[in-house]
């Protein structure tokens, strides 16, 4: 009967495990960046008001920030009257909060997909 020999070197496994947190953080940062762009597009497409000058719609922005394991998406108006679009008329023309919900759901789906692939 033949003999089988198995040599195991865990050095490569240890190196990969040490690098894993950084790789995960970079993957999450890219996912957050992509979802910030998605959120900005969502706001501009779904803003419920009619544009006279298109300043309010073009002034909707989403910014992604990733620092030290902390990842954040900020959705904002850049026009001075943006706050009134959000709160006037019982929120009839708001876009920030609905976009936070939609972007959050989209982000979580992407993160779920990412984590399933690890």
PDB file of N, CA and C in Angstrom:
ATOM      1  N   UNK A   1       0.845  -1.170   0.000  1.00  0.00           N
ATOM      2  CA  UNK A   1       0.000   0.000   0.000  1.00  0.00           C
ATOM      3  C   UNK A   1       0.899   1.245   0.000  1.00  0.00           C
ATOM      4  N   UNK A   2       0.501   2.278  -0.772  1.00  0.00           N
ATOM      5  CA  UNK A   2       1.286   3.493  -0.868  1.00  0.00           C
ATOM      6  C   UNK A   2       1.145   4.376   0.372  1.00  0.00           C
ATOM      7  N   UNK A   3       2.126   5.198   0.552  1.00  0.00           N
ATOM      8  CA  UNK A   3       2.102   6.125   1.677  1.00  0.00           C
ATOM      9  C   UNK A   3       1.853   7.533   1.161  1.00  0.00           C
ATOM     10  N   UNK A   4       1.089   8.259   1.909  1.00  0.00           N
ATOM     11  CA  UNK A   4       0.837   9.661   1.564  1.00  0.00           C
ATOM     12  C   UNK A   4       1.530  10.536   2.594  1.00  0.00           C
ATOM     13  N   UNK A   5       2.083  11.595   2.113  1.00  0.00           N
ATOM     14  CA  UNK A   5       2.762  12.521   3.022  1.00  0.00           C
ATOM     15  C   UNK A   5       2.088  13.883   2.887  1.00  0.00           C
ATOM     16  N   UNK A   6       1.825  14.520   4.010  1.00  0.00           N
ATOM     17  CA  UNK A   6       1.165  15.824   4.024  1.00  0.00           C
ATOM     18  C   UNK A   6       2.030  16.783   4.826  1.00  0.00           C
ATOM     19  N   UNK A   7       2.442  17.870   4.193  1.00  0.00           N
ATOM     20  CA  UNK A   7       3.240  18.894   4.873  1.00  0.00           C
ATOM     21  C   UNK A   7       2.391  20.147   4.939  1.00  0.00           C
ATOM     22  N   UNK A   8       2.238  20.660   6.129  1.00  0.00           N
ATOM     23  CA  UNK A   8       1.384  21.834   6.336  1.00  0.00           C
ATOM     24  C   UNK A   8       2.234  22.987   6.828  1.00  0.00           C
ATOM     25  N   UNK A   9       2.155  24.106   6.111  1.00  0.00           N
ATOM     26  CA  UNK A   9       2.850  25.323   6.511  1.00  0.00           C
ATOM     27  C   UNK A   9       1.789  26.399   6.703  1.00  0.00           C
ATOM     28  N   UNK A  10       1.585  26.813   7.928  1.00  0.00           N
ATOM     29  CA  UNK A  10       0.519  27.782   8.204  1.00  0.00           C
ATOM     30  C   UNK A  10       0.981  29.228   8.070  1.00  0.00           C
ATOM     31  N   UNK A  11       2.186  29.468   7.601  1.00  0.00           N
ATOM     32  CA  UNK A  11       2.700  30.835   7.452  1.00  0.00           C
ATOM     33  C   UNK A  11       1.859  31.665   6.492  1.00  0.00           C
ATOM     34  N   UNK A  12       1.489  31.072   5.366  1.00  0.00           N
ATOM     35  CA  UNK A  12       0.670  31.783   4.394  1.00  0.00           C
ATOM     36  C   UNK A  12      -0.713  32.093   4.969  1.00  0.00           C
ATOM     37  N   UNK A  13      -1.300  31.134   5.657  1.00  0.00           N
ATOM     38  CA  UNK A  13      -2.600  31.342   6.287  1.00  0.00           C
ATOM     39  C   UNK A  13      -2.539  32.466   7.315  1.00  0.00           C
ATOM     40  N   UNK A  14      -1.497  32.478   8.128  1.00  0.00           N
ATOM     41  CA  UNK A  14      -1.342  33.535   9.146  1.00  0.00           C
ATOM     42  C   UNK A  14      -1.200  34.916   8.508  1.00  0.00           C
ATOM     43  N   UNK A  15      -0.408  35.006   7.443  1.00  0.00           N
ATOM     44  CA  UNK A  15      -0.247  36.296   6.746  1.00  0.00           C
ATOM     45  C   UNK A  15      -1.588  36.773   6.183  1.00  0.00           C
ATOM     46  N   UNK A  16      -2.324  35.867   5.570  1.00  0.00           N
ATOM     47  CA  UNK A  16      -3.623  36.238   5.002  1.00  0.00           C
ATOM     48  C   UNK A  16      -4.610  36.667   6.085  1.00  0.00           C
ATOM     49  N   UNK A  17      -4.603  35.981   7.210  1.00  0.00           N
ATOM     50  CA  UNK A  17      -5.500  36.359   8.307  1.00  0.00           C
ATOM     51  C   UNK A  17      -5.137  37.724   8.882  1.00  0.00           C
ATOM     52  N   UNK A  18      -3.830  38.029   8.967  1.00  0.00           N
ATOM     53  CA  UNK A  18      -3.417  39.358   9.455  1.00  0.00           C
ATOM     54  C   UNK A  18      -3.858  40.464   8.496  1.00  0.00           C
ATOM     55  N   UNK A  19      -3.857  40.165   7.200  1.00  0.00           N
ATOM     56  CA  UNK A  19      -4.228  41.172   6.194  1.00  0.00           C
ATOM     57  C   UNK A  19      -5.738  41.312   6.037  1.00  0.00           C
ATOM     58  N   UNK A  20      -6.518  40.365   6.544  1.00  0.00           N
ATOM     59  CA  UNK A  20      -7.962  40.349   6.321  1.00  0.00           C
ATOM     60  C   UNK A  20      -8.691  41.602   6.818  1.00  0.00           C
ATOM     61  N   UNK A  21      -8.442  42.090   8.037  1.00  0.00           N
ATOM     62  CA  UNK A  21      -9.184  43.289   8.478  1.00  0.00           C
ATOM     63  C   UNK A  21      -8.986  44.492   7.547  1.00  0.00           C
ATOM     64  N   UNK A  22      -7.771  44.703   7.068  1.00  0.00           N
ATOM     65  CA  UNK A  22      -7.520  45.804   6.144  1.00  0.00           C
ATOM     66  C   UNK A  22      -8.231  45.627   4.823  1.00  0.00           C
ATOM     67  N   UNK A  23      -8.247  44.386   4.324  1.00  0.00           N
ATOM     68  CA  UNK A  23      -8.940  44.110   3.063  1.00  0.00           C
ATOM     69  C   UNK A  23     -10.438  44.326   3.216  1.00  0.00           C
ATOM     70  N   UNK A  24     -10.987  43.885   4.335  1.00  0.00           N
ATOM     71  CA  UNK A  24     -12.419  44.081   4.583  1.00  0.00           C
ATOM     72  C   UNK A  24     -12.740  45.568   4.683  1.00  0.00           C
ATOM     73  N   UNK A  25     -11.910  46.326   5.392  1.00  0.00           N
ATOM     74  CA  UNK A  25     -12.144  47.761   5.547  1.00  0.00           C
ATOM     75  C   UNK A  25     -12.105  48.469   4.195  1.00  0.00           C
ATOM     76  N   UNK A  26     -11.154  48.107   3.337  1.00  0.00           N
ATOM     77  CA  UNK A  26     -11.075  48.716   2.004  1.00  0.00           C
ATOM     78  C   UNK A  26     -12.291  48.341   1.155  1.00  0.00           C
ATOM     79  N   UNK A  27     -12.738  47.099   1.253  1.00  0.00           N
ATOM     80  CA  UNK A  27     -13.922  46.670   0.497  1.00  0.00           C
ATOM     81  C   UNK A  27     -15.165  47.416   0.975  1.00  0.00           C
ATOM     82  N   UNK A  28     -15.285  47.612   2.282  1.00  0.00           N
ATOM     83  CA  UNK A  28     -16.426  48.359   2.816  1.00  0.00           C
ATOM     84  C   UNK A  28     -16.352  49.815   2.368  1.00  0.00           C
ATOM     85  N   UNK A  29     -15.154  50.405   2.396  1.00  0.00           N
ATOM     86  CA  UNK A  29     -14.992  51.794   1.954  1.00  0.00           C
ATOM     87  C   UNK A  29     -15.413  51.964   0.501  1.00  0.00           C
ATOM     88  N   UNK A  30     -15.033  51.032  -0.359  1.00  0.00           N
ATOM     89  CA  UNK A  30     -15.443  51.099  -1.766  1.00  0.00           C
ATOM     90  C   UNK A  30     -16.952  50.943  -1.906  1.00  0.00           C
ATOM     91  N   UNK A  31     -17.529  50.067  -1.102  1.00  0.00           N
ATOM     92  CA  UNK A  31     -18.982  49.861  -1.140  1.00  0.00           C
ATOM     93  C   UNK A  31     -19.711  51.120  -0.678  1.00  0.00           C
ATOM     94  N   UNK A  32     -19.195  51.764   0.355  1.00  0.00           N
ATOM     95  CA  UNK A  32     -19.801  53.005   0.850  1.00  0.00           C
ATOM     96  C   UNK A  32     -19.678  54.107  -0.202  1.00  0.00           C
ATOM     97  N   UNK A  33     -18.520  54.217  -0.841  1.00  0.00           N
ATOM     98  CA  UNK A  33     -18.343  55.214  -1.909  1.00  0.00           C
ATOM     99  C   UNK A  33     -19.352  54.998  -3.036  1.00  0.00           C
ATOM    100  N   UNK A  34     -19.492  53.753  -3.460  1.00  0.00           N
ATOM    101  CA  UNK A  34     -20.417  53.442  -4.550  1.00  0.00           C
ATOM    102  C   UNK A  34     -21.856  53.761  -4.149  1.00  0.00           C
ATOM    103  N   UNK A  35     -22.210  53.495  -2.900  1.00  0.00           N
ATOM    104  CA  UNK A  35     -23.571  53.746  -2.448  1.00  0.00           C
ATOM    105  C   UNK A  35     -23.834  55.231  -2.215  1.00  0.00           C
ATOM    106  N   UNK A  36     -22.814  56.009  -1.921  1.00  0.00           N
ATOM    107  CA  UNK A  36     -22.999  57.460  -1.847  1.00  0.00           C
ATOM    108  C   UNK A  36     -23.360  57.997  -3.227  1.00  0.00           C
ATOM    109  N   UNK A  37     -22.671  57.532  -4.247  1.00  0.00           N
ATOM    110  CA  UNK A  37     -22.993  57.952  -5.618  1.00  0.00           C
ATOM    111  C   UNK A  37     -24.408  57.500  -5.990  1.00  0.00           C
ATOM    112  N   UNK A  38     -24.772  56.284  -5.582  1.00  0.00           N
ATOM    113  CA  UNK A  38     -26.121  55.783  -5.849  1.00  0.00           C
ATOM    114  C   UNK A  38     -27.157  56.662  -5.144  1.00  0.00           C
ATOM    115  N   UNK A  39     -26.879  57.024  -3.887  1.00  0.00           N
ATOM    116  CA  UNK A  39     -27.802  57.865  -3.117  1.00  0.00           C
ATOM    117  C   UNK A  39     -27.974  59.243  -3.729  1.00  0.00           C
ATOM    118  N   UNK A  40     -26.896  59.815  -4.231  1.00  0.00           N
ATOM    119  CA  UNK A  40     -26.992  61.127  -4.878  1.00  0.00           C
ATOM    120  C   UNK A  40     -27.870  61.045  -6.120  1.00  0.00           C
ATOM    121  N   UNK A  41     -27.662  60.022  -6.912  1.00  0.00           N
ATOM    122  CA  UNK A  41     -28.513  59.829  -8.092  1.00  0.00           C
ATOM    123  C   UNK A  41     -29.963  59.607  -7.708  1.00  0.00           C
ATOM    124  N   UNK A  42     -30.186  58.837  -6.649  1.00  0.00           N
ATOM    125  CA  UNK A  42     -31.550  58.580  -6.178  1.00  0.00           C
ATOM    126  C   UNK A  42     -32.240  59.887  -5.780  1.00  0.00           C
ATOM    127  N   UNK A  43     -31.530  60.735  -5.038  1.00  0.00           N
ATOM    128  CA  UNK A  43     -32.124  62.010  -4.616  1.00  0.00           C
ATOM    129  C   UNK A  43     -32.494  62.863  -5.817  1.00  0.00           C
ATOM    130  N   UNK A  44     -31.580  62.970  -6.756  1.00  0.00           N
ATOM    131  CA  UNK A  44     -31.825  63.836  -7.913  1.00  0.00           C
ATOM    132  C   UNK A  44     -32.950  63.312  -8.795  1.00  0.00           C
ATOM    133  N   UNK A  45     -33.077  62.012  -8.904  1.00  0.00           N
ATOM    134  CA  UNK A  45     -34.149  61.432  -9.712  1.00  0.00           C
ATOM    135  C   UNK A  45     -35.516  61.491  -9.032  1.00  0.00           C
ATOM    136  N   UNK A  46     -35.530  61.397  -7.709  1.00  0.00           N
ATOM    137  CA  UNK A  46     -36.786  61.239  -6.982  1.00  0.00           C
ATOM    138  C   UNK A  46     -37.221  62.458  -6.184  1.00  0.00           C
ATOM    139  N   UNK A  47     -36.527  63.564  -6.319  1.00  0.00           N
ATOM    140  CA  UNK A  47     -36.945  64.780  -5.617  1.00  0.00           C
ATOM    141  C   UNK A  47     -38.367  65.137  -6.059  1.00  0.00           C
ATOM    142  N   UNK A  48     -39.295  65.325  -5.100  1.00  0.00           N
ATOM    143  CA  UNK A  48     -40.714  65.456  -5.456  1.00  0.00           C
ATOM    144  C   UNK A  48     -41.173  66.858  -5.849  1.00  0.00           C
ATOM    145  N   UNK A  49     -40.275  67.761  -6.078  1.00  0.00           N
ATOM    146  CA  UNK A  49     -40.697  69.109  -6.427  1.00  0.00           C
ATOM    147  C   UNK A  49     -40.459  69.387  -7.903  1.00  0.00           C
ATOM    148  N   UNK A  50     -41.110  70.424  -8.402  1.00  0.00           N
ATOM    149  CA  UNK A  50     -40.893  70.882  -9.775  1.00  0.00           C
ATOM    150  C   UNK A  50     -39.779  71.910  -9.755  1.00  0.00           C
ATOM    151  N   UNK A  51     -38.891  71.822 -10.712  1.00  0.00           N
ATOM    152  CA  UNK A  51     -37.750  72.730 -10.759  1.00  0.00           C
ATOM    153  C   UNK A  51     -38.041  73.933 -11.642  1.00  0.00           C
ATOM    154  N   UNK A  52     -37.766  75.122 -11.120  1.00  0.00           N
ATOM    155  CA  UNK A  52     -37.813  76.324 -11.948  1.00  0.00           C
ATOM    156  C   UNK A  52     -36.412  76.609 -12.499  1.00  0.00           C
ATOM    157  N   UNK A  53     -35.414  76.499 -11.629  1.00  0.00           N
ATOM    158  CA  UNK A  53     -34.041  76.793 -12.043  1.00  0.00           C
ATOM    159  C   UNK A  53     -33.148  75.552 -12.034  1.00  0.00           C
ATOM    160  N   UNK A  54     -33.619  74.464 -11.500  1.00  0.00           N
ATOM    161  CA  UNK A  54     -32.895  73.203 -11.284  1.00  0.00           C
ATOM    162  C   UNK A  54     -31.746  73.336 -10.282  1.00  0.00           C
ATOM    163  N   UNK A  55     -31.677  74.459  -9.601  1.00  0.00           N
ATOM    164  CA  UNK A  55     -30.612  74.652  -8.606  1.00  0.00           C
ATOM    165  C   UNK A  55     -30.772  73.695  -7.435  1.00  0.00           C
ATOM    166  N   UNK A  56     -31.997  73.497  -6.957  1.00  0.00           N
ATOM    167  CA  UNK A  56     -32.210  72.614  -5.811  1.00  0.00           C
ATOM    168  C   UNK A  56     -31.880  71.164  -6.174  1.00  0.00           C
ATOM    169  N   UNK A  57     -32.335  70.709  -7.307  1.00  0.00           N
ATOM    170  CA  UNK A  57     -32.080  69.315  -7.716  1.00  0.00           C
ATOM    171  C   UNK A  57     -30.589  69.093  -7.954  1.00  0.00           C
ATOM    172  N   UNK A  58     -29.935  70.012  -8.661  1.00  0.00           N
ATOM    173  CA  UNK A  58     -28.496  69.881  -8.913  1.00  0.00           C
ATOM    174  C   UNK A  58     -27.672  70.116  -7.652  1.00  0.00           C
ATOM    175  N   UNK A  59     -28.295  70.692  -6.639  1.00  0.00           N
ATOM    176  CA  UNK A  59     -27.603  70.954  -5.380  1.00  0.00           C
ATOM    177  C   UNK A  59     -27.755  69.846  -4.358  1.00  0.00           C
ATOM    178  N   UNK A  60     -28.291  68.705  -4.753  1.00  0.00           N
ATOM    179  CA  UNK A  60     -28.373  67.541  -3.864  1.00  0.00           C
ATOM    180  C   UNK A  60     -27.087  66.738  -4.002  1.00  0.00           C
ATOM    181  N   UNK A  61     -26.426  66.495  -2.872  1.00  0.00           N
ATOM    182  CA  UNK A  61     -25.148  65.786  -2.892  1.00  0.00           C
ATOM    183  C   UNK A  61     -25.103  64.712  -1.822  1.00  0.00           C
ATOM    184  N   UNK A  62     -24.318  63.680  -2.094  1.00  0.00           N
ATOM    185  CA  UNK A  62     -24.023  62.637  -1.116  1.00  0.00           C
ATOM    186  C   UNK A  62     -22.506  62.501  -1.054  1.00  0.00           C
ATOM    187  N   UNK A  63     -21.982  62.498   0.163  1.00  0.00           N
ATOM    188  CA  UNK A  63     -20.544  62.392   0.381  1.00  0.00           C
ATOM    189  C   UNK A  63     -20.260  61.148   1.215  1.00  0.00           C
ATOM    190  N   UNK A  64     -19.245  60.403   0.827  1.00  0.00           N
ATOM    191  CA  UNK A  64     -18.812  59.239   1.591  1.00  0.00           C
ATOM    192  C   UNK A  64     -17.520  59.591   2.312  1.00  0.00           C
ATOM    193  N   UNK A  65     -17.393  59.094   3.533  1.00  0.00           N
ATOM    194  CA  UNK A  65     -16.166  59.285   4.292  1.00  0.00           C
ATOM    195  C   UNK A  65     -15.851  57.986   5.015  1.00  0.00           C
ATOM    196  N   UNK A  66     -14.605  57.567   4.930  1.00  0.00           N
ATOM    197  CA  UNK A  66     -14.144  56.361   5.603  1.00  0.00           C
ATOM    198  C   UNK A  66     -12.845  56.674   6.316  1.00  0.00           C
ATOM    199  N   UNK A  67     -12.835  56.478   7.626  1.00  0.00           N
ATOM    200  CA  UNK A  67     -11.639  56.751   8.422  1.00  0.00           C
ATOM    201  C   UNK A  67     -11.556  55.753   9.571  1.00  0.00           C
ATOM    202  N   UNK A  68     -10.479  55.015   9.617  1.00  0.00           N
ATOM    203  CA  UNK A  68     -10.207  54.136  10.744  1.00  0.00           C
ATOM    204  C   UNK A  68     -11.323  53.167  11.092  1.00  0.00           C
ATOM    205  N   UNK A  69     -11.897  52.532  10.123  1.00  0.00           N
ATOM    206  CA  UNK A  69     -12.957  51.577  10.383  1.00  0.00           C
ATOM    207  C   UNK A  69     -14.329  52.199  10.541  1.00  0.00           C
ATOM    208  N   UNK A  70     -14.428  53.509  10.422  1.00  0.00           N
ATOM    209  CA  UNK A  70     -15.708  54.226  10.507  1.00  0.00           C
ATOM    210  C   UNK A  70     -16.073  54.671   9.098  1.00  0.00           C
ATOM    211  N   UNK A  71     -17.277  54.336   8.687  1.00  0.00           N
ATOM    212  CA  UNK A  71     -17.731  54.662   7.337  1.00  0.00           C
ATOM    213  C   UNK A  71     -19.048  55.420   7.430  1.00  0.00           C
ATOM    214  N   UNK A  72     -19.177  56.454   6.609  1.00  0.00           N
ATOM    215  CA  UNK A  72     -20.333  57.349   6.729  1.00  0.00           C
ATOM    216  C   UNK A  72     -20.737  57.888   5.368  1.00  0.00           C
ATOM    217  N   UNK A  73     -22.032  58.038   5.170  1.00  0.00           N
ATOM    218  CA  UNK A  73     -22.565  58.706   3.981  1.00  0.00           C
ATOM    219  C   UNK A  73     -23.393  59.888   4.467  1.00  0.00           C
ATOM    220  N   UNK A  74     -23.125  61.050   3.938  1.00  0.00           N
ATOM    221  CA  UNK A  74     -23.870  62.257   4.273  1.00  0.00           C
ATOM    222  C   UNK A  74     -24.667  62.691   3.050  1.00  0.00           C
ATOM    223  N   UNK A  75     -25.968  62.882   3.229  1.00  0.00           N
ATOM    224  CA  UNK A  75     -26.847  63.377   2.159  1.00  0.00           C
ATOM    225  C   UNK A  75     -27.220  64.812   2.504  1.00  0.00           C
ATOM    226  N   UNK A  76     -27.104  65.721   1.541  1.00  0.00           N
ATOM    227  CA  UNK A  76     -27.291  67.134   1.864  1.00  0.00           C
ATOM    228  C   UNK A  76     -27.827  67.953   0.694  1.00  0.00           C
ATOM    229  N   UNK A  77     -28.409  69.086   1.053  1.00  0.00           N
ATOM    230  CA  UNK A  77     -28.783  70.134   0.096  1.00  0.00           C
ATOM    231  C   UNK A  77     -27.649  71.149   0.075  1.00  0.00           C
ATOM    232  N   UNK A  78     -27.447  71.804  -1.052  1.00  0.00           N
ATOM    233  CA  UNK A  78     -26.459  72.887  -1.076  1.00  0.00           C
ATOM    234  C   UNK A  78     -27.116  74.245  -1.290  1.00  0.00           C
ATOM    235  N   UNK A  79     -28.429  74.268  -1.526  1.00  0.00           N
ATOM    236  CA  UNK A  79     -29.111  75.556  -1.660  1.00  0.00           C
ATOM    237  C   UNK A  79     -29.576  76.006  -0.276  1.00  0.00           C
ATOM    238  N   UNK A  80     -29.620  77.316  -0.069  1.00  0.00           N
ATOM    239  CA  UNK A  80     -29.955  77.850   1.252  1.00  0.00           C
ATOM    240  C   UNK A  80     -31.387  77.520   1.672  1.00  0.00           C
ATOM    241  N   UNK A  81     -32.270  77.275   0.733  1.00  0.00           N
ATOM    242  CA  UNK A  81     -33.665  76.997   1.074  1.00  0.00           C
ATOM    243  C   UNK A  81     -33.959  75.488   1.135  1.00  0.00           C
ATOM    244  N   UNK A  82     -32.926  74.665   1.063  1.00  0.00           N
ATOM    245  CA  UNK A  82     -33.110  73.214   1.105  1.00  0.00           C
ATOM    246  C   UNK A  82     -33.816  72.742   2.366  1.00  0.00           C
ATOM    247  N   UNK A  83     -33.525  73.373   3.495  1.00  0.00           N
ATOM    248  CA  UNK A  83     -34.181  72.982   4.742  1.00  0.00           C
ATOM    249  C   UNK A  83     -35.691  73.149   4.634  1.00  0.00           C
ATOM    250  N   UNK A  84     -36.134  74.173   3.923  1.00  0.00           N
ATOM    251  CA  UNK A  84     -37.581  74.417   3.789  1.00  0.00           C
ATOM    252  C   UNK A  84     -38.240  73.383   2.886  1.00  0.00           C
ATOM    253  N   UNK A  85     -37.502  72.867   1.927  1.00  0.00           N
ATOM    254  CA  UNK A  85     -38.043  71.776   1.112  1.00  0.00           C
ATOM    255  C   UNK A  85     -38.257  70.526   1.983  1.00  0.00           C
ATOM    256  N   UNK A  86     -37.445  70.382   3.000  1.00  0.00           N
ATOM    257  CA  UNK A  86     -37.534  69.209   3.875  1.00  0.00           C
ATOM    258  C   UNK A  86     -38.640  69.325   4.918  1.00  0.00           C
ATOM    259  N   UNK A  87     -38.858  70.523   5.458  1.00  0.00           N
ATOM    260  CA  UNK A  87     -39.788  70.626   6.600  1.00  0.00           C
ATOM    261  C   UNK A  87     -41.103  71.331   6.300  1.00  0.00           C
ATOM    262  N   UNK A  88     -41.150  72.160   5.268  1.00  0.00           N
ATOM    263  CA  UNK A  88     -42.388  72.901   4.974  1.00  0.00           C
ATOM    264  C   UNK A  88     -43.472  71.953   4.468  1.00  0.00           C
ATOM    265  N   UNK A  89     -44.702  72.363   4.629  1.00  0.00           N
ATOM    266  CA  UNK A  89     -45.857  71.587   4.144  1.00  0.00           C
ATOM    267  C   UNK A  89     -45.856  70.157   4.683  1.00  0.00           C
ATOM    268  N   UNK A  90     -45.515  70.033   5.962  1.00  0.00           N
ATOM    269  CA  UNK A  90     -45.467  68.724   6.638  1.00  0.00           C
ATOM    270  C   UNK A  90     -44.562  67.725   5.921  1.00  0.00           C
ATOM    271  N   UNK A  91     -43.492  68.227   5.326  1.00  0.00           N
ATOM    272  CA  UNK A  91     -42.532  67.355   4.658  1.00  0.00           C
ATOM    273  C   UNK A  91     -42.954  66.864   3.296  1.00  0.00           C
ATOM    274  N   UNK A  92     -43.915  67.526   2.700  1.00  0.00           N
ATOM    275  CA  UNK A  92     -44.436  67.099   1.398  1.00  0.00           C
ATOM    276  C   UNK A  92     -43.339  66.997   0.329  1.00  0.00           C
ATOM    277  N   UNK A  93     -42.336  67.863   0.394  1.00  0.00           N
ATOM    278  CA  UNK A  93     -41.289  67.896  -0.621  1.00  0.00           C
ATOM    279  C   UNK A  93     -39.950  67.339  -0.130  1.00  0.00           C
ATOM    280  N   UNK A  94     -39.971  66.659   0.995  1.00  0.00           N
ATOM    281  CA  UNK A  94     -38.699  66.152   1.525  1.00  0.00           C
ATOM    282  C   UNK A  94     -38.110  65.065   0.633  1.00  0.00           C
ATOM    283  N   UNK A  95     -36.791  65.048   0.568  1.00  0.00           N
ATOM    284  CA  UNK A  95     -36.085  64.026  -0.190  1.00  0.00           C
ATOM    285  C   UNK A  95     -34.961  63.397   0.625  1.00  0.00           C
ATOM    286  N   UNK A  96     -34.440  64.093   1.611  1.00  0.00           N
ATOM    287  CA  UNK A  96     -33.305  63.566   2.373  1.00  0.00           C
ATOM    288  C   UNK A  96     -33.689  62.295   3.132  1.00  0.00           C
ATOM    289  N   UNK A  97     -34.714  62.341   3.959  1.00  0.00           N
ATOM    290  CA  UNK A  97     -35.081  61.168   4.757  1.00  0.00           C
ATOM    291  C   UNK A  97     -35.470  59.968   3.890  1.00  0.00           C
ATOM    292  N   UNK A  98     -36.307  60.140   2.864  1.00  0.00           N
ATOM    293  CA  UNK A  98     -36.583  58.974   2.001  1.00  0.00           C
ATOM    294  C   UNK A  98     -35.306  58.427   1.341  1.00  0.00           C
ATOM    295  N   UNK A  99     -34.372  59.306   1.032  1.00  0.00           N
ATOM    296  CA  UNK A  99     -33.120  58.874   0.412  1.00  0.00           C
ATOM    297  C   UNK A  99     -32.215  58.166   1.408  1.00  0.00           C
ATOM    298  N   UNK A 100     -32.248  58.589   2.667  1.00  0.00           N
ATOM    299  CA  UNK A 100     -31.488  57.887   3.699  1.00  0.00           C
ATOM    300  C   UNK A 100     -31.994  56.449   3.807  1.00  0.00           C
ATOM    301  N   UNK A 101     -33.305  56.297   3.828  1.00  0.00           N
ATOM    302  CA  UNK A 101     -33.878  54.938   3.896  1.00  0.00           C
ATOM    303  C   UNK A 101     -33.478  54.102   2.685  1.00  0.00           C
ATOM    304  N   UNK A 102     -33.671  54.647   1.498  1.00  0.00           N
ATOM    305  CA  UNK A 102     -33.382  53.896   0.267  1.00  0.00           C
ATOM    306  C   UNK A 102     -31.891  53.583   0.148  1.00  0.00           C
ATOM    307  N   UNK A 103     -31.045  54.553   0.441  1.00  0.00           N
ATOM    308  CA  UNK A 103     -29.604  54.342   0.355  1.00  0.00           C
ATOM    309  C   UNK A 103     -29.148  53.329   1.399  1.00  0.00           C
ATOM    310  N   UNK A 104     -29.712  53.418   2.589  1.00  0.00           N
ATOM    311  CA  UNK A 104     -29.374  52.458   3.641  1.00  0.00           C
ATOM    312  C   UNK A 104     -29.742  51.040   3.254  1.00  0.00           C
ATOM    313  N   UNK A 105     -30.912  50.862   2.666  1.00  0.00           N
ATOM    314  CA  UNK A 105     -31.328  49.527   2.230  1.00  0.00           C
ATOM    315  C   UNK A 105     -30.415  49.006   1.119  1.00  0.00           C
ATOM    316  N   UNK A 106     -30.067  49.884   0.199  1.00  0.00           N
ATOM    317  CA  UNK A 106     -29.180  49.508  -0.901  1.00  0.00           C
ATOM    318  C   UNK A 106     -27.793  49.154  -0.369  1.00  0.00           C
ATOM    319  N   UNK A 107     -27.287  49.953   0.551  1.00  0.00           N
ATOM    320  CA  UNK A 107     -25.980  49.706   1.155  1.00  0.00           C
ATOM    321  C   UNK A 107     -25.970  48.374   1.902  1.00  0.00           C
ATOM    322  N   UNK A 108     -27.004  48.115   2.688  1.00  0.00           N
ATOM    323  CA  UNK A 108     -27.047  46.870   3.459  1.00  0.00           C
ATOM    324  C   UNK A 108     -27.107  45.652   2.538  1.00  0.00           C
ATOM    325  N   UNK A 109     -27.822  45.754   1.442  1.00  0.00           N
ATOM    326  CA  UNK A 109     -27.863  44.647   0.480  1.00  0.00           C
ATOM    327  C   UNK A 109     -26.470  44.400  -0.105  1.00  0.00           C
ATOM    328  N   UNK A 110     -25.761  45.482  -0.436  1.00  0.00           N
ATOM    329  CA  UNK A 110     -24.403  45.345  -0.967  1.00  0.00           C
ATOM    330  C   UNK A 110     -23.456  44.762   0.072  1.00  0.00           C
ATOM    331  N   UNK A 111     -23.577  45.193   1.333  1.00  0.00           N
ATOM    332  CA  UNK A 111     -22.716  44.667   2.392  1.00  0.00           C
ATOM    333  C   UNK A 111     -23.017  43.194   2.667  1.00  0.00           C
ATOM    334  N   UNK A 112     -24.288  42.825   2.617  1.00  0.00           N
ATOM    335  CA  UNK A 112     -24.666  41.428   2.792  1.00  0.00           C
ATOM    336  C   UNK A 112     -24.016  40.572   1.698  1.00  0.00           C
ATOM    337  N   UNK A 113     -24.098  41.034   0.473  1.00  0.00           N
ATOM    338  CA  UNK A 113     -23.474  40.343  -0.660  1.00  0.00           C
ATOM    339  C   UNK A 113     -21.966  40.226  -0.452  1.00  0.00           C
ATOM    340  N   UNK A 114     -21.337  41.319  -0.013  1.00  0.00           N
ATOM    341  CA  UNK A 114     -19.903  41.330   0.220  1.00  0.00           C
ATOM    342  C   UNK A 114     -19.513  40.311   1.295  1.00  0.00           C
ATOM    343  N   UNK A 115     -20.237  40.289   2.388  1.00  0.00           N
ATOM    344  CA  UNK A 115     -19.910  39.390   3.496  1.00  0.00           C
ATOM    345  C   UNK A 115     -20.152  37.927   3.131  1.00  0.00           C
ATOM    346  N   UNK A 116     -21.130  37.669   2.289  1.00  0.00           N
ATOM    347  CA  UNK A 116     -21.372  36.295   1.845  1.00  0.00           C
ATOM    348  C   UNK A 116     -20.234  35.770   0.998  1.00  0.00           C
ATOM    349  N   UNK A 117     -19.476  36.670   0.367  1.00  0.00           N
ATOM    350  CA  UNK A 117     -18.397  36.261  -0.518  1.00  0.00           C
ATOM    351  C   UNK A 117     -17.076  36.077   0.212  1.00  0.00           C
ATOM    352  N   UNK A 118     -17.022  36.398   1.493  1.00  0.00           N
ATOM    353  CA  UNK A 118     -15.747  36.242   2.231  1.00  0.00           C
ATOM    354  C   UNK A 118     -15.417  34.793   2.455  1.00  0.00           C
TER     355      UNK A 118
END
